[in-house]
PDB file of all heavy atoms in Angstrom:
ATOM      1  N   PHE A   1      99.091  77.474 -29.126  1.00  0.00           N
ATOM      2  CA  PHE A   1      99.870  78.541 -29.590  1.00  0.00           C
ATOM      3  C   PHE A   1      99.143  79.857 -29.272  1.00  0.00           C
ATOM      4  O   PHE A   1      98.080  80.134 -29.834  1.00  0.00           O
ATOM      5  CB  PHE A   1     100.121  78.473 -31.121  1.00  0.00           C
ATOM      6  CG  PHE A   1     100.642  77.134 -31.566  1.00  0.00           C
ATOM      7  CD1 PHE A   1      99.792  75.994 -31.878  1.00  0.00           C
ATOM      8  CD2 PHE A   1     102.090  76.936 -31.712  1.00  0.00           C
ATOM      9  CE1 PHE A   1     100.407  74.793 -32.193  1.00  0.00           C
ATOM     10  CE2 PHE A   1     102.534  75.620 -32.034  1.00  0.00           C
ATOM     11  CZ  PHE A   1     101.663  74.591 -32.338  1.00  0.00           C
ATOM     12  N   THR A   2      99.740  80.618 -28.438  1.00  0.00           N
ATOM     13  CA  THR A   2      99.127  81.937 -28.038  1.00  0.00           C
ATOM     14  C   THR A   2      99.514  83.048 -28.955  1.00  0.00           C
ATOM     15  O   THR A   2      98.915  84.142 -28.826  1.00  0.00           O
ATOM     16  CB  THR A   2      99.607  82.225 -26.629  1.00  0.00           C
ATOM     17  OG1 THR A   2     100.978  82.514 -26.579  1.00  0.00           O
ATOM     18  CG2 THR A   2      99.238  81.157 -25.599  1.00  0.00           C
ATOM     19  N   HIS A   3     100.340  82.817 -29.952  1.00  0.00           N
ATOM     20  CA  HIS A   3     100.685  83.836 -30.904  1.00  0.00           C
ATOM     21  C   HIS A   3     100.565  83.223 -32.338  1.00  0.00           C
ATOM     22  O   HIS A   3      99.897  82.162 -32.532  1.00  0.00           O
ATOM     23  CB  HIS A   3     102.048  84.435 -30.626  1.00  0.00           C
ATOM     24  CG  HIS A   3     102.055  85.289 -29.376  1.00  0.00           C
ATOM     25  ND1 HIS A   3     101.979  84.652 -28.124  1.00  0.00           N
ATOM     26  CD2 HIS A   3     102.215  86.559 -29.219  1.00  0.00           C
ATOM     27  CE1 HIS A   3     101.999  85.707 -27.220  1.00  0.00           C
ATOM     28  NE2 HIS A   3     102.193  86.875 -27.866  1.00  0.00           N
ATOM     29  N   ASP A   4     101.388  83.743 -33.246  1.00  0.00           N
ATOM     30  CA  ASP A   4     101.305  83.345 -34.695  1.00  0.00           C
ATOM     31  C   ASP A   4     102.074  82.089 -34.911  1.00  0.00           C
ATOM     32  O   ASP A   4     103.052  81.777 -34.333  1.00  0.00           O
ATOM     33  CB  ASP A   4     101.778  84.407 -35.519  1.00  0.00           C
ATOM     34  CG  ASP A   4     100.998  85.736 -35.447  1.00  0.00           C
ATOM     35  OD1 ASP A   4      99.829  85.610 -34.964  1.00  0.00           O
ATOM     36  OD2 ASP A   4     101.492  86.825 -35.752  1.00  0.00           O
ATOM     37  N   VAL A   5     101.465  81.303 -35.940  1.00  0.00           N
ATOM     38  CA  VAL A   5     102.103  80.067 -36.424  1.00  0.00           C
ATOM     39  C   VAL A   5     102.371  80.200 -37.949  1.00  0.00           C
ATOM     40  O   VAL A   5     101.445  80.449 -38.674  1.00  0.00           O
ATOM     41  CB  VAL A   5     101.215  78.935 -36.209  1.00  0.00           C
ATOM     42  CG1 VAL A   5     101.816  77.618 -36.765  1.00  0.00           C
ATOM     43  CG2 VAL A   5     100.952  78.678 -34.702  1.00  0.00           C
ATOM     44  N   ASN A   6     103.639  80.047 -38.355  1.00  0.00           N
ATOM     45  CA  ASN A   6     104.037  80.124 -39.787  1.00  0.00           C
ATOM     46  C   ASN A   6     104.683  78.907 -40.218  1.00  0.00           C
ATOM     47  O   ASN A   6     105.763  78.513 -39.831  1.00  0.00           O
ATOM     48  CB  ASN A   6     104.959  81.422 -40.012  1.00  0.00           C
ATOM     49  CG  ASN A   6     105.151  81.562 -41.481  1.00  0.00           C
ATOM     50  OD1 ASN A   6     104.711  80.838 -42.324  1.00  0.00           O
ATOM     51  ND2 ASN A   6     105.969  82.643 -41.736  1.00  0.00           N
ATOM     52  N   ILE A   7     103.908  78.103 -41.064  1.00  0.00           N
ATOM     53  CA  ILE A   7     104.515  76.877 -41.689  1.00  0.00           C
ATOM     54  C   ILE A   7     104.509  76.934 -43.217  1.00  0.00           C
ATOM     55  O   ILE A   7     104.454  75.910 -43.881  1.00  0.00           O
ATOM     56  CB  ILE A   7     103.767  75.663 -41.190  1.00  0.00           C
ATOM     57  CG1 ILE A   7     102.338  75.785 -41.348  1.00  0.00           C
ATOM     58  CG2 ILE A   7     104.126  75.337 -39.782  1.00  0.00           C
ATOM     59  CD1 ILE A   7     101.561  74.541 -40.981  1.00  0.00           C
ATOM     60  N   SER A   8     104.539  78.240 -43.708  1.00  0.00           N
ATOM     61  CA  SER A   8     104.394  78.389 -45.072  1.00  0.00           C
ATOM     62  C   SER A   8     105.680  77.973 -45.966  1.00  0.00           C
ATOM     63  O   SER A   8     106.778  77.924 -45.416  1.00  0.00           O
ATOM     64  CB  SER A   8     104.073  79.798 -45.461  1.00  0.00           C
ATOM     65  OG  SER A   8     105.122  80.658 -45.043  1.00  0.00           O
ATOM     66  N   ASN A   9     105.421  77.512 -47.231  1.00  0.00           N
ATOM     67  CA  ASN A   9     106.472  77.265 -48.128  1.00  0.00           C
ATOM     68  C   ASN A   9     107.440  76.192 -47.749  1.00  0.00           C
ATOM     69  O   ASN A   9     108.596  76.070 -48.149  1.00  0.00           O
ATOM     70  CB  ASN A   9     107.318  78.481 -48.446  1.00  0.00           C
ATOM     71  CG  ASN A   9     106.567  79.617 -49.059  1.00  0.00           C
ATOM     72  OD1 ASN A   9     106.093  79.461 -50.192  1.00  0.00           O
ATOM     73  ND2 ASN A   9     106.335  80.700 -48.332  1.00  0.00           N
ATOM     74  N   SER A  10     106.965  75.300 -46.775  1.00  0.00           N
ATOM     75  CA  SER A  10     107.761  74.155 -46.290  1.00  0.00           C
ATOM     76  C   SER A  10     107.376  72.944 -47.111  1.00  0.00           C
ATOM     77  O   SER A  10     106.317  72.796 -47.573  1.00  0.00           O
ATOM     78  CB  SER A  10     107.572  73.954 -44.884  1.00  0.00           C
ATOM     79  OG  SER A  10     108.150  74.981 -44.028  1.00  0.00           O
ATOM     80  N   LYS A  11     108.335  71.988 -47.217  1.00  0.00           N
ATOM     81  CA  LYS A  11     108.131  70.818 -48.000  1.00  0.00           C
ATOM     82  C   LYS A  11     108.665  69.563 -47.137  1.00  0.00           C
ATOM     83  O   LYS A  11     109.819  69.578 -46.733  1.00  0.00           O
ATOM     84  CB  LYS A  11     108.899  70.824 -49.316  1.00  0.00           C
ATOM     85  CG  LYS A  11     108.365  71.909 -50.302  1.00  0.00           C
ATOM     86  CD  LYS A  11     109.145  71.795 -51.687  1.00  0.00           C
ATOM     87  CE  LYS A  11     108.610  72.921 -52.570  1.00  0.00           C
ATOM     88  NZ  LYS A  11     109.316  72.952 -53.912  1.00  0.00           N
ATOM     89  N   LEU A  12     107.751  68.682 -46.862  1.00  0.00           N
ATOM     90  CA  LEU A  12     108.032  67.479 -46.063  1.00  0.00           C
ATOM     91  C   LEU A  12     107.823  66.246 -46.849  1.00  0.00           C
ATOM     92  O   LEU A  12     106.785  66.012 -47.541  1.00  0.00           O
ATOM     93  CB  LEU A  12     107.244  67.478 -44.828  1.00  0.00           C
ATOM     94  CG  LEU A  12     107.502  68.480 -43.670  1.00  0.00           C
ATOM     95  CD1 LEU A  12     107.091  69.881 -44.066  1.00  0.00           C
ATOM     96  CD2 LEU A  12     106.709  68.017 -42.421  1.00  0.00           C
ATOM     97  N   ASN A  13     108.807  65.328 -46.838  1.00  0.00           N
ATOM     98  CA  ASN A  13     108.545  63.992 -47.513  1.00  0.00           C
ATOM     99  C   ASN A  13     107.700  63.157 -46.603  1.00  0.00           C
ATOM    100  O   ASN A  13     107.143  62.174 -47.063  1.00  0.00           O
ATOM    101  CB  ASN A  13     109.963  63.248 -47.699  1.00  0.00           C
ATOM    102  CG  ASN A  13     110.729  63.944 -48.852  1.00  0.00           C
ATOM    103  OD1 ASN A  13     110.276  64.835 -49.443  1.00  0.00           O
ATOM    104  ND2 ASN A  13     111.938  63.512 -48.992  1.00  0.00           N
ATOM    105  N   GLY A  14     107.634  63.434 -45.313  1.00  0.00           N
ATOM    106  CA  GLY A  14     106.682  62.761 -44.375  1.00  0.00           C
ATOM    107  C   GLY A  14     105.400  63.449 -44.238  1.00  0.00           C
ATOM    108  O   GLY A  14     104.912  64.074 -45.191  1.00  0.00           O
ATOM    109  N   TYR A  15     104.780  63.456 -43.049  1.00  0.00           N
ATOM    110  CA  TYR A  15     103.534  64.075 -42.768  1.00  0.00           C
ATOM    111  C   TYR A  15     103.616  65.262 -41.914  1.00  0.00           C
ATOM    112  O   TYR A  15     104.695  65.482 -41.215  1.00  0.00           O
ATOM    113  CB  TYR A  15     102.597  63.044 -42.222  1.00  0.00           C
ATOM    114  CG  TYR A  15     102.984  62.619 -40.802  1.00  0.00           C
ATOM    115  CD1 TYR A  15     102.596  63.314 -39.664  1.00  0.00           C
ATOM    116  CD2 TYR A  15     103.770  61.456 -40.558  1.00  0.00           C
ATOM    117  CE1 TYR A  15     102.922  62.873 -38.405  1.00  0.00           C
ATOM    118  CE2 TYR A  15     104.109  61.009 -39.355  1.00  0.00           C
ATOM    119  CZ  TYR A  15     103.689  61.785 -38.235  1.00  0.00           C
ATOM    120  OH  TYR A  15     104.126  61.385 -36.987  1.00  0.00           O
ATOM    121  N   ILE A  16     102.650  66.089 -41.897  1.00  0.00           N
ATOM    122  CA  ILE A  16     102.481  67.209 -40.958  1.00  0.00           C
ATOM    123  C   ILE A  16     101.227  66.933 -40.207  1.00  0.00           C
ATOM    124  O   ILE A  16     100.193  66.732 -40.724  1.00  0.00           O
ATOM    125  CB  ILE A  16     102.428  68.557 -41.726  1.00  0.00           C
ATOM    126  CG1 ILE A  16     102.157  69.708 -40.742  1.00  0.00           C
ATOM    127  CG2 ILE A  16     101.331  68.596 -42.821  1.00  0.00           C
ATOM    128  CD1 ILE A  16     103.337  70.108 -39.953  1.00  0.00           C
ATOM    129  N   ASP A  17     101.395  66.938 -38.844  1.00  0.00           N
ATOM    130  CA  ASP A  17     100.222  66.633 -37.895  1.00  0.00           C
ATOM    131  C   ASP A  17      99.998  67.921 -37.185  1.00  0.00           C
ATOM    132  O   ASP A  17     100.650  68.383 -36.267  1.00  0.00           O
ATOM    133  CB  ASP A  17     100.564  65.509 -37.088  1.00  0.00           C
ATOM    134  CG  ASP A  17      99.344  64.985 -36.271  1.00  0.00           C
ATOM    135  OD1 ASP A  17      98.320  65.707 -36.206  1.00  0.00           O
ATOM    136  OD2 ASP A  17      99.394  63.880 -35.687  1.00  0.00           O
ATOM    137  N   MET A  18      98.824  68.569 -37.501  1.00  0.00           N
ATOM    138  CA  MET A  18      98.347  69.741 -36.740  1.00  0.00           C
ATOM    139  C   MET A  18      97.044  69.397 -36.120  1.00  0.00           C
ATOM    140  O   MET A  18      96.208  70.381 -35.927  1.00  0.00           O
ATOM    141  CB  MET A  18      98.305  70.908 -37.713  1.00  0.00           C
ATOM    142  CG  MET A  18      99.559  71.471 -38.254  1.00  0.00           C
ATOM    143  SD  MET A  18     100.413  72.507 -37.086  1.00  0.00           S
ATOM    144  CE  MET A  18      99.335  74.003 -37.086  1.00  0.00           C
ATOM    145  N   SER A  19      96.816  68.243 -35.776  1.00  0.00           N
ATOM    146  CA  SER A  19      95.503  67.906 -35.206  1.00  0.00           C
ATOM    147  C   SER A  19      95.436  68.315 -33.739  1.00  0.00           C
ATOM    148  O   SER A  19      96.271  68.308 -33.095  1.00  0.00           O
ATOM    149  CB  SER A  19      95.233  66.397 -35.371  1.00  0.00           C
ATOM    150  OG  SER A  19      96.193  65.641 -34.717  1.00  0.00           O
ATOM    151  N   ASP A  20      94.212  68.781 -33.420  1.00  0.00           N
ATOM    152  CA  ASP A  20      93.827  69.136 -32.021  1.00  0.00           C
ATOM    153  C   ASP A  20      94.640  70.240 -31.495  1.00  0.00           C
ATOM    154  O   ASP A  20      94.895  70.341 -30.285  1.00  0.00           O
ATOM    155  CB  ASP A  20      94.027  67.879 -31.155  1.00  0.00           C
ATOM    156  CG  ASP A  20      93.123  66.814 -31.574  1.00  0.00           C
ATOM    157  OD1 ASP A  20      91.942  67.027 -31.916  1.00  0.00           O
ATOM    158  OD2 ASP A  20      93.608  65.657 -31.523  1.00  0.00           O
ATOM    159  N   VAL A  21      95.193  71.181 -32.382  1.00  0.00           N
ATOM    160  CA  VAL A  21      95.827  72.317 -31.906  1.00  0.00           C
ATOM    161  C   VAL A  21      94.937  73.421 -31.644  1.00  0.00           C
ATOM    162  O   VAL A  21      93.759  73.437 -32.138  1.00  0.00           O
ATOM    163  CB  VAL A  21      96.941  72.771 -32.916  1.00  0.00           C
ATOM    164  CG1 VAL A  21      97.929  71.620 -33.236  1.00  0.00           C
ATOM    165  CG2 VAL A  21      96.313  73.298 -34.218  1.00  0.00           C
ATOM    166  N   ASP A  22      95.420  74.467 -30.792  1.00  0.00           N
ATOM    167  CA  ASP A  22      94.681  75.659 -30.566  1.00  0.00           C
ATOM    168  C   ASP A  22      95.472  76.809 -30.862  1.00  0.00           C
ATOM    169  O   ASP A  22      96.646  76.959 -30.316  1.00  0.00           O
ATOM    170  CB  ASP A  22      94.196  75.572 -29.075  1.00  0.00           C
ATOM    171  CG  ASP A  22      93.110  76.706 -28.872  1.00  0.00           C
ATOM    172  OD1 ASP A  22      93.508  77.908 -28.786  1.00  0.00           O
ATOM    173  OD2 ASP A  22      91.935  76.445 -28.747  1.00  0.00           O
ATOM    174  N   ILE A  23      95.098  77.700 -31.724  1.00  0.00           N
ATOM    175  CA  ILE A  23      95.854  78.834 -32.288  1.00  0.00           C
ATOM    176  C   ILE A  23      95.146  80.124 -31.885  1.00  0.00           C
ATOM    177  O   ILE A  23      94.030  80.385 -32.389  1.00  0.00           O
ATOM    178  CB  ILE A  23      96.145  78.763 -33.617  1.00  0.00           C
ATOM    179  CG1 ILE A  23      96.827  77.376 -34.089  1.00  0.00           C
ATOM    180  CG2 ILE A  23      96.980  79.914 -34.180  1.00  0.00           C
ATOM    181  CD1 ILE A  23      96.934  77.097 -35.554  1.00  0.00           C
ATOM    182  N   ALA A  24      95.700  81.016 -31.103  1.00  0.00           N
ATOM    183  CA  ALA A  24      95.230  82.265 -30.741  1.00  0.00           C
ATOM    184  C   ALA A  24      95.501  83.335 -31.745  1.00  0.00           C
ATOM    185  O   ALA A  24      94.832  84.242 -31.894  1.00  0.00           O
ATOM    186  CB  ALA A  24      95.617  82.668 -29.288  1.00  0.00           C
ATOM    187  N   GLY A  25      96.652  83.194 -32.362  1.00  0.00           N
ATOM    188  CA  GLY A  25      97.126  84.167 -33.401  1.00  0.00           C
ATOM    189  C   GLY A  25      96.774  83.809 -34.758  1.00  0.00           C
ATOM    190  O   GLY A  25      95.674  83.073 -34.974  1.00  0.00           O
ATOM    191  N   SER A  26      97.481  84.184 -35.814  1.00  0.00           N
ATOM    192  CA  SER A  26      97.257  83.813 -37.186  1.00  0.00           C
ATOM    193  C   SER A  26      97.977  82.520 -37.586  1.00  0.00           C
ATOM    194  O   SER A  26      99.000  82.099 -36.947  1.00  0.00           O
ATOM    195  CB  SER A  26      97.657  84.937 -38.067  1.00  0.00           C
ATOM    196  OG  SER A  26      99.039  85.108 -38.012  1.00  0.00           O
ATOM    197  N   LEU A  27      97.433  81.825 -38.615  1.00  0.00           N
ATOM    198  CA  LEU A  27      98.073  80.674 -39.090  1.00  0.00           C
ATOM    199  C   LEU A  27      98.389  80.853 -40.586  1.00  0.00           C
ATOM    200  O   LEU A  27      97.464  81.141 -41.392  1.00  0.00           O
ATOM    201  CB  LEU A  27      97.172  79.467 -39.052  1.00  0.00           C
ATOM    202  CG  LEU A  27      97.619  78.157 -39.687  1.00  0.00           C
ATOM    203  CD1 LEU A  27      99.011  77.631 -39.169  1.00  0.00           C
ATOM    204  CD2 LEU A  27      96.544  77.046 -39.617  1.00  0.00           C
TER     205      LEU A  27
END
């Protein structure tokens, strides 16, 4: 991700996989 990533206030009954990501902006 060369810019911002927003996953705030989300609800998942399953899983969230953010492994091995690269973020240039804010998370």
